[in-house]
N, C-alpha and C. Protein backbone atom coordinates (compact mmCIF):
# COMPACT_ATOMS: atom_id res chain seq x y z
N MET A 1 -38.52 71.25 63.45
CA MET A 1 -37.41 70.11 64.11
C MET A 1 -37.70 69.56 65.62
N ILE A 2 -37.29 68.06 65.33
CA ILE A 2 -38.02 67.27 66.82
C ILE A 2 -36.62 67.39 67.74
N ARG A 3 -37.44 67.74 69.26
CA ARG A 3 -36.23 68.07 70.01
C ARG A 3 -36.32 66.71 71.05
N LYS A 4 -35.16 66.40 71.68
CA LYS A 4 -35.05 64.99 72.36
C LYS A 4 -36.13 65.04 73.63
N GLU A 5 -36.62 66.29 73.98
CA GLU A 5 -37.65 66.28 75.43
C GLU A 5 -38.86 66.09 74.89
N GLU A 6 -39.25 66.33 73.79
CA GLU A 6 -40.51 66.25 73.36
C GLU A 6 -40.91 64.21 72.64
N VAL A 7 -39.51 63.55 72.56
CA VAL A 7 -39.77 62.54 72.44
C VAL A 7 -39.42 61.10 73.66
N THR A 8 -39.91 60.12 73.40
CA THR A 8 -39.50 59.42 74.78
C THR A 8 -39.23 57.75 73.69
N ALA A 9 -37.87 56.82 74.20
CA ALA A 9 -37.68 55.41 73.51
C ALA A 9 -38.94 54.87 73.75
N VAL A 10 -39.51 54.27 72.53
CA VAL A 10 -40.62 53.28 72.60
C VAL A 10 -39.98 51.94 72.14
N GLY A 11 -39.26 51.62 71.23
CA GLY A 11 -38.82 50.35 71.47
C GLY A 11 -37.28 50.60 70.08
N GLU A 12 -37.34 49.26 69.49
CA GLU A 12 -35.91 49.23 68.54
C GLU A 12 -36.24 48.37 66.93
N LEU A 13 -35.69 49.04 66.12
CA LEU A 13 -35.53 48.45 64.94
C LEU A 13 -34.66 47.23 64.83
N VAL A 14 -34.72 46.36 65.02
CA VAL A 14 -34.32 44.83 65.24
C VAL A 14 -33.59 44.28 64.04
N LYS A 15 -33.82 44.13 62.99
CA LYS A 15 -33.82 43.52 62.24
C LYS A 15 -34.13 43.60 60.76
N PRO A 16 -34.03 43.60 59.23
CA PRO A 16 -34.93 43.33 58.43
C PRO A 16 -35.39 42.06 58.55
N HIS A 17 -36.80 42.08 57.78
CA HIS A 17 -37.84 40.79 58.08
C HIS A 17 -37.69 40.74 56.04
N GLY A 18 -37.15 39.95 55.80
CA GLY A 18 -37.56 39.40 54.02
C GLY A 18 -36.37 40.36 53.44
N ILE A 19 -36.84 40.77 51.64
CA ILE A 19 -35.65 41.44 51.02
C ILE A 19 -36.35 42.83 50.60
N ALA A 20 -37.75 43.04 50.73
CA ALA A 20 -38.52 43.65 50.44
C ALA A 20 -38.46 45.45 51.36
N GLY A 21 -37.21 45.71 52.28
CA GLY A 21 -37.50 46.65 53.49
C GLY A 21 -38.09 46.57 54.56
N GLU A 22 -39.24 45.47 54.68
CA GLU A 22 -39.84 45.65 55.51
C GLU A 22 -39.00 45.24 57.29
N MET A 23 -38.86 45.39 58.07
CA MET A 23 -38.25 45.65 59.49
C MET A 23 -39.16 44.66 60.90
N VAL A 24 -38.28 44.48 61.56
CA VAL A 24 -38.88 43.56 62.83
C VAL A 24 -38.71 44.86 64.09
N MET A 25 -39.67 45.08 64.37
CA MET A 25 -39.81 46.56 65.86
C MET A 25 -40.17 45.84 66.50
N THR A 26 -39.38 46.14 67.66
CA THR A 26 -40.18 45.60 68.95
C THR A 26 -40.48 46.75 70.12
N THR A 27 -41.51 46.81 70.72
CA THR A 27 -41.97 47.89 71.70
C THR A 27 -42.65 47.14 72.58
N MET A 28 -42.60 48.29 73.60
CA MET A 28 -43.74 47.98 74.86
C MET A 28 -45.04 48.17 74.85
N TYR A 29 -45.57 49.04 73.58
CA TYR A 29 -46.72 49.88 73.85
C TYR A 29 -47.27 49.26 72.99
N ASP A 30 -48.64 48.85 73.23
CA ASP A 30 -49.82 47.95 72.18
C ASP A 30 -50.32 48.98 71.72
N GLY A 31 -51.01 49.15 70.41
CA GLY A 31 -51.78 49.93 69.57
C GLY A 31 -50.72 51.36 69.18
N LEU A 32 -49.54 50.96 69.57
CA LEU A 32 -48.82 52.58 69.70
C LEU A 32 -49.19 53.54 67.85
N PHE A 33 -49.37 53.17 66.97
CA PHE A 33 -49.29 53.22 65.72
C PHE A 33 -51.19 53.07 65.18
N ASP A 34 -51.95 52.81 66.17
CA ASP A 34 -53.36 52.36 65.60
C ASP A 34 -54.38 53.53 65.55
N ASP A 35 -53.90 54.76 65.96
CA ASP A 35 -55.01 56.18 66.18
C ASP A 35 -54.43 57.36 65.07
N MET A 36 -53.37 56.82 64.71
CA MET A 36 -52.70 57.79 63.74
C MET A 36 -53.01 57.61 62.20
N GLU A 37 -53.54 58.46 61.77
CA GLU A 37 -53.52 59.23 60.14
C GLU A 37 -52.55 58.31 59.45
N ASP A 38 -51.63 59.05 59.36
CA ASP A 38 -49.96 59.10 59.22
C ASP A 38 -49.05 58.48 59.87
N PRO A 39 -49.15 57.37 60.32
CA PRO A 39 -47.90 56.97 61.22
C PRO A 39 -46.94 57.07 60.97
N TYR A 40 -46.03 57.50 61.86
CA TYR A 40 -44.64 57.24 61.84
C TYR A 40 -43.69 57.28 62.94
N LEU A 41 -42.63 56.94 63.06
CA LEU A 41 -41.52 56.42 64.09
C LEU A 41 -40.24 57.61 64.03
N ILE A 42 -39.57 57.60 64.78
CA ILE A 42 -38.42 58.44 64.95
C ILE A 42 -37.14 57.82 64.98
N CYS A 43 -36.48 57.98 64.38
CA CYS A 43 -35.12 57.44 64.88
C CYS A 43 -33.59 58.83 64.89
N ASP A 44 -33.09 58.34 65.92
CA ASP A 44 -31.90 59.30 66.10
C ASP A 44 -30.81 58.75 64.82
N MET A 45 -30.21 59.78 63.58
CA MET A 45 -29.58 59.67 62.63
C MET A 45 -28.32 60.67 62.61
N ASP A 46 -27.34 60.17 63.26
CA ASP A 46 -26.13 60.59 63.28
C ASP A 46 -26.41 62.48 64.53
N GLY A 47 -27.29 62.05 65.69
CA GLY A 47 -27.53 62.91 66.73
C GLY A 47 -28.57 63.70 66.10
N ILE A 48 -29.55 63.74 64.84
CA ILE A 48 -30.66 64.26 64.53
C ILE A 48 -31.82 63.38 64.65
N LEU A 49 -32.74 63.86 65.29
CA LEU A 49 -33.90 62.82 65.58
C LEU A 49 -34.59 63.15 63.78
N VAL A 50 -34.95 62.03 63.15
CA VAL A 50 -35.54 61.95 61.93
C VAL A 50 -36.79 60.95 61.77
N PRO A 51 -37.94 61.60 61.65
CA PRO A 51 -39.07 60.97 61.34
C PRO A 51 -39.13 59.74 59.81
N PHE A 52 -39.63 58.99 60.58
CA PHE A 52 -39.77 58.05 59.20
C PHE A 52 -41.40 57.66 59.04
N TYR A 53 -42.18 58.16 58.40
CA TYR A 53 -43.47 57.39 57.85
C TYR A 53 -43.43 56.13 57.37
N ILE A 54 -44.47 55.60 58.23
CA ILE A 54 -44.50 54.14 57.78
C ILE A 54 -45.99 53.73 56.86
N GLU A 55 -45.34 52.79 55.63
CA GLU A 55 -46.10 52.80 54.61
C GLU A 55 -46.81 51.50 55.25
N SER A 56 -46.72 50.56 55.95
CA SER A 56 -47.72 49.44 56.54
C SER A 56 -46.76 49.06 57.69
N TYR A 57 -47.77 48.56 58.95
CA TYR A 57 -47.49 47.72 59.49
C TYR A 57 -48.30 46.81 60.43
N ARG A 58 -47.90 45.33 60.99
CA ARG A 58 -48.43 44.20 61.28
C ARG A 58 -48.42 44.00 62.63
N PRO A 59 -48.99 43.28 63.42
CA PRO A 59 -48.25 42.54 64.72
C PRO A 59 -47.44 41.41 64.37
N ARG A 60 -46.39 41.49 65.36
CA ARG A 60 -45.62 39.75 64.84
C ARG A 60 -45.30 39.68 66.52
N GLY A 61 -46.42 38.66 67.04
CA GLY A 61 -46.25 38.29 68.12
C GLY A 61 -46.06 39.45 69.27
N GLY A 62 -45.90 38.85 70.85
CA GLY A 62 -46.36 39.96 71.75
C GLY A 62 -46.12 40.97 72.07
N SER A 63 -45.00 41.33 71.58
CA SER A 63 -44.02 42.66 71.52
C SER A 63 -43.41 43.33 70.27
N SER A 64 -44.18 42.52 69.64
CA SER A 64 -43.10 43.16 68.11
C SER A 64 -44.18 43.83 66.87
N LEU A 65 -43.44 44.40 66.11
CA LEU A 65 -44.21 44.47 64.80
C LEU A 65 -43.35 43.95 63.56
N LEU A 66 -44.30 44.02 62.54
CA LEU A 66 -43.36 44.26 61.15
C LEU A 66 -43.53 45.64 60.15
N VAL A 67 -42.91 46.25 60.38
CA VAL A 67 -42.90 47.32 59.80
C VAL A 67 -42.26 47.93 58.39
N LYS A 68 -42.85 48.37 57.45
CA LYS A 68 -42.41 48.89 56.11
C LYS A 68 -42.48 50.42 56.30
N LEU A 69 -41.20 50.92 55.73
CA LEU A 69 -41.06 52.23 55.93
C LEU A 69 -41.25 53.24 55.06
N ASP A 70 -41.72 54.18 54.27
CA ASP A 70 -41.47 54.91 53.29
C ASP A 70 -40.59 54.90 52.47
N ASP A 71 -40.00 54.69 51.60
CA ASP A 71 -38.47 54.63 50.73
C ASP A 71 -37.53 53.72 51.27
N VAL A 72 -38.37 52.51 52.18
CA VAL A 72 -37.07 51.77 52.61
C VAL A 72 -37.32 50.74 52.04
N ASP A 73 -37.01 50.22 50.74
CA ASP A 73 -37.72 49.33 49.72
C ASP A 73 -36.51 48.23 49.19
N ASP A 74 -35.65 47.94 50.38
CA ASP A 74 -34.89 46.61 50.16
C ASP A 74 -34.11 45.81 51.41
N ASP A 75 -33.37 45.03 51.83
CA ASP A 75 -32.76 44.46 52.71
C ASP A 75 -31.93 45.41 53.02
N ARG A 76 -31.31 45.86 51.86
CA ARG A 76 -29.85 46.72 52.31
C ARG A 76 -30.03 48.19 53.26
N ALA A 77 -31.34 48.81 52.93
CA ALA A 77 -31.94 49.70 53.33
C ALA A 77 -31.92 49.68 54.77
N ALA A 78 -32.85 48.58 54.78
CA ALA A 78 -33.85 48.09 55.99
C ALA A 78 -32.12 47.72 57.03
N ARG A 79 -31.31 47.18 56.33
CA ARG A 79 -29.65 47.01 57.27
C ARG A 79 -29.51 48.05 58.16
N ARG A 80 -29.36 49.29 57.32
CA ARG A 80 -28.86 50.43 57.73
C ARG A 80 -29.24 51.41 59.30
N LEU A 81 -30.70 50.92 59.27
CA LEU A 81 -31.29 50.78 60.48
C LEU A 81 -31.69 50.03 61.03
N ALA A 82 -31.21 48.95 61.25
CA ALA A 82 -31.18 47.69 61.98
C ALA A 82 -30.57 48.33 63.48
N HIS A 83 -31.25 47.86 64.57
CA HIS A 83 -30.46 48.45 65.98
C HIS A 83 -30.69 50.21 66.23
N HIS A 84 -31.10 50.49 65.70
CA HIS A 84 -31.43 51.92 65.90
C HIS A 84 -32.77 51.75 66.78
N THR A 85 -32.56 52.63 68.09
CA THR A 85 -33.78 52.87 68.88
C THR A 85 -35.48 53.82 68.28
N VAL A 86 -36.12 53.52 68.68
CA VAL A 86 -36.99 54.06 68.23
C VAL A 86 -37.83 55.14 69.17
N TYR A 87 -38.17 56.23 68.62
CA TYR A 87 -38.53 56.94 69.59
C TYR A 87 -40.12 57.69 69.14
N TYR A 88 -40.75 58.20 70.21
CA TYR A 88 -42.09 58.52 69.62
C TYR A 88 -42.71 59.63 70.63
N PRO A 89 -43.51 60.51 69.84
CA PRO A 89 -43.73 61.82 70.89
C PRO A 89 -44.49 61.69 72.17
N ILE A 90 -43.98 62.18 73.00
CA ILE A 90 -44.47 61.43 74.17
C ILE A 90 -46.18 62.06 74.84
N ASP A 91 -46.63 62.71 74.14
CA ASP A 91 -47.62 63.39 73.80
C ASP A 91 -48.65 62.65 73.06
N ARG A 92 -47.96 61.45 72.11
CA ARG A 92 -49.04 60.57 71.41
C ARG A 92 -49.20 59.19 71.85
N LEU A 93 -48.50 59.12 72.60
CA LEU A 93 -48.45 58.12 73.83
C LEU A 93 -49.40 57.23 73.87
N PRO A 94 -50.31 55.82 73.56
CA PRO A 94 -50.78 55.29 74.33
C PRO A 94 -51.51 55.53 75.54
N GLU A 95 -52.55 55.77 75.96
CA GLU A 95 -53.03 55.72 77.65
C GLU A 95 -52.52 54.66 78.27
N ASP A 96 -52.11 54.45 79.58
CA ASP A 96 -52.12 53.57 80.30
C ASP A 96 -53.03 52.46 80.51
N ASP A 97 -53.10 51.39 80.56
CA ASP A 97 -54.02 50.42 80.56
C ASP A 97 -55.19 50.61 82.02
N PRO A 98 -56.35 50.82 81.73
CA PRO A 98 -57.20 51.38 83.00
C PRO A 98 -57.56 50.37 83.62
N GLU A 99 -56.96 49.14 83.51
CA GLU A 99 -57.09 47.94 84.38
C GLU A 99 -55.94 47.77 85.46
N GLY A 100 -54.81 48.64 84.89
CA GLY A 100 -53.51 48.83 85.98
C GLY A 100 -52.47 47.36 85.91
N ASP A 101 -53.13 46.49 84.41
CA ASP A 101 -52.08 45.54 84.66
C ASP A 101 -50.98 45.75 84.88
N GLU A 102 -49.85 44.87 85.26
CA GLU A 102 -48.35 44.81 85.23
C GLU A 102 -48.15 45.08 83.90
N PRO A 103 -46.63 45.29 83.67
CA PRO A 103 -46.16 45.34 82.03
C PRO A 103 -45.76 43.55 82.13
N THR A 104 -45.69 43.15 80.94
CA THR A 104 -45.52 41.78 80.66
C THR A 104 -43.65 41.60 80.62
N TRP A 105 -43.54 40.59 81.10
CA TRP A 105 -41.94 40.16 80.39
C TRP A 105 -41.56 40.75 79.17
N GLU A 106 -42.50 40.68 78.06
CA GLU A 106 -41.89 40.83 77.02
C GLU A 106 -41.36 42.34 76.69
N ARG A 107 -42.12 43.05 77.40
CA ARG A 107 -41.68 45.01 77.76
C ARG A 107 -39.65 44.72 77.95
N PHE A 108 -39.28 43.38 77.38
CA PHE A 108 -37.73 43.65 78.11
C PHE A 108 -37.10 43.43 76.67
N VAL A 109 -37.94 42.76 75.92
CA VAL A 109 -37.31 42.72 73.82
C VAL A 109 -36.90 43.95 73.58
N GLY A 110 -35.98 44.22 72.88
CA GLY A 110 -35.30 45.31 72.57
C GLY A 110 -33.46 45.46 73.43
N TYR A 111 -34.17 45.45 74.83
CA TYR A 111 -33.29 45.91 75.70
C TYR A 111 -31.59 45.42 75.21
N GLN A 112 -30.86 45.91 75.89
CA GLN A 112 -29.48 45.54 75.60
C GLN A 112 -28.69 44.98 76.90
N LEU A 113 -28.24 43.93 76.65
CA LEU A 113 -27.92 43.19 77.79
C LEU A 113 -26.40 43.43 77.88
N THR A 114 -25.51 43.67 79.17
CA THR A 114 -24.14 43.93 78.96
C THR A 114 -23.77 43.06 80.26
N ASP A 115 -22.37 42.95 80.19
CA ASP A 115 -22.12 41.89 81.47
C ASP A 115 -21.92 42.77 82.29
N ALA A 116 -21.05 42.71 83.46
CA ALA A 116 -20.91 43.08 85.11
C ALA A 116 -19.80 44.27 84.68
N ALA A 117 -18.96 44.19 83.53
CA ALA A 117 -18.03 45.64 83.38
C ALA A 117 -18.36 45.59 82.27
N GLY A 118 -19.82 46.01 81.54
CA GLY A 118 -20.30 47.00 80.96
C GLY A 118 -19.73 46.58 79.29
N HIS A 119 -19.36 45.30 79.12
CA HIS A 119 -19.73 45.20 77.94
C HIS A 119 -21.03 44.10 77.17
N ALA A 120 -20.67 44.36 76.30
CA ALA A 120 -22.13 43.99 75.27
C ALA A 120 -22.41 42.50 74.91
N VAL A 121 -23.31 41.85 75.72
CA VAL A 121 -23.77 40.54 75.29
C VAL A 121 -24.71 39.99 74.04
N GLY A 122 -25.57 41.26 73.99
CA GLY A 122 -26.48 40.89 72.91
C GLY A 122 -27.88 42.05 73.28
N THR A 123 -28.77 41.59 72.47
CA THR A 123 -29.97 42.10 72.23
C THR A 123 -30.94 41.27 72.71
N VAL A 124 -32.16 41.44 73.70
CA VAL A 124 -33.14 40.51 74.12
C VAL A 124 -34.09 41.02 72.95
N ASP A 125 -34.38 39.45 72.27
CA ASP A 125 -35.19 38.93 70.91
C ASP A 125 -36.55 38.68 71.78
N GLY A 126 -36.40 38.17 72.62
CA GLY A 126 -37.92 37.26 72.91
C GLY A 126 -37.47 36.70 74.62
N VAL A 127 -38.82 36.54 74.65
CA VAL A 127 -38.71 35.56 76.26
C VAL A 127 -39.03 34.57 76.69
N ASP A 128 -38.96 33.66 77.09
CA ASP A 128 -39.35 32.13 77.27
C ASP A 128 -40.21 32.16 78.47
N THR A 129 -41.34 32.33 78.88
CA THR A 129 -41.97 31.92 80.00
C THR A 129 -42.71 30.94 80.46
N SER A 130 -42.31 29.63 79.45
CA SER A 130 -43.13 28.56 79.26
C SER A 130 -42.52 27.42 80.43
N THR A 131 -41.62 27.79 80.75
CA THR A 131 -41.03 27.14 82.04
C THR A 131 -41.11 27.87 83.30
N ALA A 132 -40.53 27.50 84.33
CA ALA A 132 -40.68 27.74 85.87
C ALA A 132 -39.46 28.91 85.92
N ASN A 133 -38.76 28.62 85.26
CA ASN A 133 -37.29 29.64 84.79
C ASN A 133 -37.62 30.51 83.77
N VAL A 134 -38.05 31.61 83.88
CA VAL A 134 -38.38 32.71 82.93
C VAL A 134 -36.64 32.70 82.11
N LEU A 135 -36.62 32.41 80.83
CA LEU A 135 -35.23 32.70 80.03
C LEU A 135 -35.27 34.35 78.97
N PHE A 136 -34.57 34.71 79.24
CA PHE A 136 -34.43 35.64 77.87
C PHE A 136 -33.82 35.30 76.73
N SER A 137 -34.51 35.21 75.82
CA SER A 137 -33.52 35.17 74.32
C SER A 137 -32.78 35.95 73.72
N VAL A 138 -31.47 35.68 73.64
CA VAL A 138 -30.42 36.85 73.29
C VAL A 138 -29.59 36.66 72.33
N ASP A 139 -30.15 37.97 70.95
CA ASP A 139 -29.54 37.60 69.72
C ASP A 139 -28.10 38.58 70.23
N ARG A 140 -27.05 37.47 69.80
CA ARG A 140 -25.89 37.72 69.92
C ARG A 140 -24.98 37.48 68.61
N GLU A 141 -24.59 38.53 67.67
CA GLU A 141 -24.45 38.32 66.51
C GLU A 141 -25.08 37.09 65.99
N GLY A 142 -26.34 37.11 65.57
CA GLY A 142 -26.75 36.05 64.90
C GLY A 142 -27.13 34.58 65.54
N GLU A 143 -26.13 34.83 67.03
CA GLU A 143 -26.32 33.33 67.77
C GLU A 143 -27.52 33.68 68.55
N GLU A 144 -27.99 32.60 69.10
CA GLU A 144 -28.82 32.76 70.24
C GLU A 144 -28.65 32.44 71.57
N LEU A 145 -28.75 33.25 72.58
CA LEU A 145 -27.96 32.74 73.69
C LEU A 145 -29.35 32.67 74.60
N LEU A 146 -29.19 31.90 75.85
CA LEU A 146 -30.66 31.63 76.66
C LEU A 146 -29.98 32.35 78.01
N ILE A 147 -30.46 32.85 78.57
CA ILE A 147 -30.09 33.82 79.78
C ILE A 147 -31.39 33.86 80.55
N PRO A 148 -30.92 32.65 82.16
CA PRO A 148 -32.22 32.94 83.10
C PRO A 148 -32.20 34.36 83.79
N VAL A 149 -33.53 34.52 84.01
CA VAL A 149 -34.24 35.75 84.44
C VAL A 149 -33.78 35.56 86.03
N ALA A 150 -33.03 35.40 86.89
CA ALA A 150 -33.03 35.61 87.80
C ALA A 150 -32.38 36.72 88.87
N PRO A 151 -32.59 36.66 90.27
CA PRO A 151 -31.72 37.43 91.07
C PRO A 151 -30.34 37.53 91.08
N GLU A 152 -29.73 36.51 90.83
CA GLU A 152 -28.28 36.26 91.07
C GLU A 152 -27.86 36.50 89.55
N VAL A 153 -28.70 36.76 88.32
CA VAL A 153 -27.92 36.85 87.10
C VAL A 153 -28.21 38.48 86.73
N VAL A 154 -29.28 38.68 86.79
CA VAL A 154 -29.55 40.33 86.44
C VAL A 154 -29.34 41.09 87.41
N ARG A 155 -28.48 41.80 87.23
CA ARG A 155 -27.93 43.12 88.36
C ARG A 155 -28.63 44.14 88.45
N THR A 156 -28.47 44.57 87.58
CA THR A 156 -29.33 46.15 87.27
C THR A 156 -30.46 46.42 85.76
N VAL A 157 -31.43 46.93 86.22
CA VAL A 157 -31.88 47.34 84.69
C VAL A 157 -32.16 49.03 84.85
N ASP A 158 -32.01 49.38 83.41
CA ASP A 158 -31.99 51.10 82.90
C ASP A 158 -33.01 50.69 82.47
N HIS A 159 -34.03 51.35 82.53
CA HIS A 159 -35.37 51.43 81.48
C HIS A 159 -35.33 52.59 80.62
N ALA A 160 -34.46 53.40 81.14
CA ALA A 160 -34.51 54.93 80.17
C ALA A 160 -33.53 54.61 79.05
N ALA A 161 -32.54 53.74 79.49
CA ALA A 161 -31.20 53.38 78.67
C ALA A 161 -31.61 52.03 77.76
N ARG A 162 -32.96 50.98 78.27
CA ARG A 162 -32.96 50.12 77.77
C ARG A 162 -31.80 49.04 77.41
N ARG A 163 -31.68 49.01 79.12
CA ARG A 163 -30.24 48.19 78.99
C ARG A 163 -30.26 47.27 80.74
N ILE A 164 -29.76 46.29 80.69
CA ILE A 164 -30.06 45.32 81.69
C ILE A 164 -28.18 44.71 81.78
N ALA A 165 -28.11 45.09 82.96
CA ALA A 165 -26.75 44.48 83.47
C ALA A 165 -27.07 43.07 84.02
N VAL A 166 -25.78 41.77 83.51
CA VAL A 166 -26.24 40.63 84.15
C VAL A 166 -24.91 40.34 84.11
N ASP A 167 -24.92 39.33 84.87
CA ASP A 167 -23.76 39.02 86.05
C ASP A 167 -23.80 37.62 85.61
N ILE A 168 -23.09 36.70 84.47
CA ILE A 168 -23.13 35.79 83.93
C ILE A 168 -22.33 34.92 84.65
N PRO A 169 -23.21 33.37 84.90
CA PRO A 169 -21.84 32.66 86.00
C PRO A 169 -21.45 31.97 84.56
N GLU A 170 -20.01 31.59 85.02
CA GLU A 170 -18.40 31.05 84.39
C GLU A 170 -19.46 29.50 83.50
N GLY A 171 -18.93 29.95 82.08
CA GLY A 171 -19.47 28.70 81.79
C GLY A 171 -20.90 28.63 80.95
N LEU A 172 -21.79 29.74 81.45
CA LEU A 172 -23.28 29.58 80.77
C LEU A 172 -23.08 29.81 79.30
N LEU A 173 -22.51 31.28 78.98
CA LEU A 173 -22.25 31.39 77.58
C LEU A 173 -21.90 30.24 76.69
N ASP A 174 -21.41 28.83 77.21
CA ASP A 174 -20.36 27.81 76.40
C ASP A 174 -21.64 26.64 76.67
N LEU A 175 -22.75 26.89 77.04
CA LEU A 175 -23.67 25.81 77.10
C LEU A 175 -24.68 26.08 75.77
N ASN A 176 -24.75 27.49 75.58
CA ASN A 176 -25.73 27.88 74.49
C ASN A 176 -25.42 27.68 72.73
């Protein structure tokens, strides 16, 4: 039995990709499954930590992967796993970067955004750093929102819960 204190959150199964059961997974760890003979991830399924073996995986941009789990063979099965936090054994995490590089903005992909009152705004599914103002690309029920990453907007970041509380200026959501 897998115990909660043996694992840590490392990402999220965001959504299905295609119709064959492949899923988009965000993670802040490079090479998470590279050194494993039989790679797996863990999801909390109704309070029970369940391992899912990975049939295949491949990079998809800066901080996401496309993963195909054993016995998840269609988009319907993949949808049941969408928005589940991915856990991984603490003792198997990749070593920290010896260069001591700072984490990138992409580490926030998969974090949940909430407003000041604690209501869900959406999930960060990308970060735009192409301009002077960094923007979170947020998936809000299939609609893309662009939220500025600025001290007057971002109130708190809870890395353990993978949650960001934001104070969205009035009317900003109407512009998206």
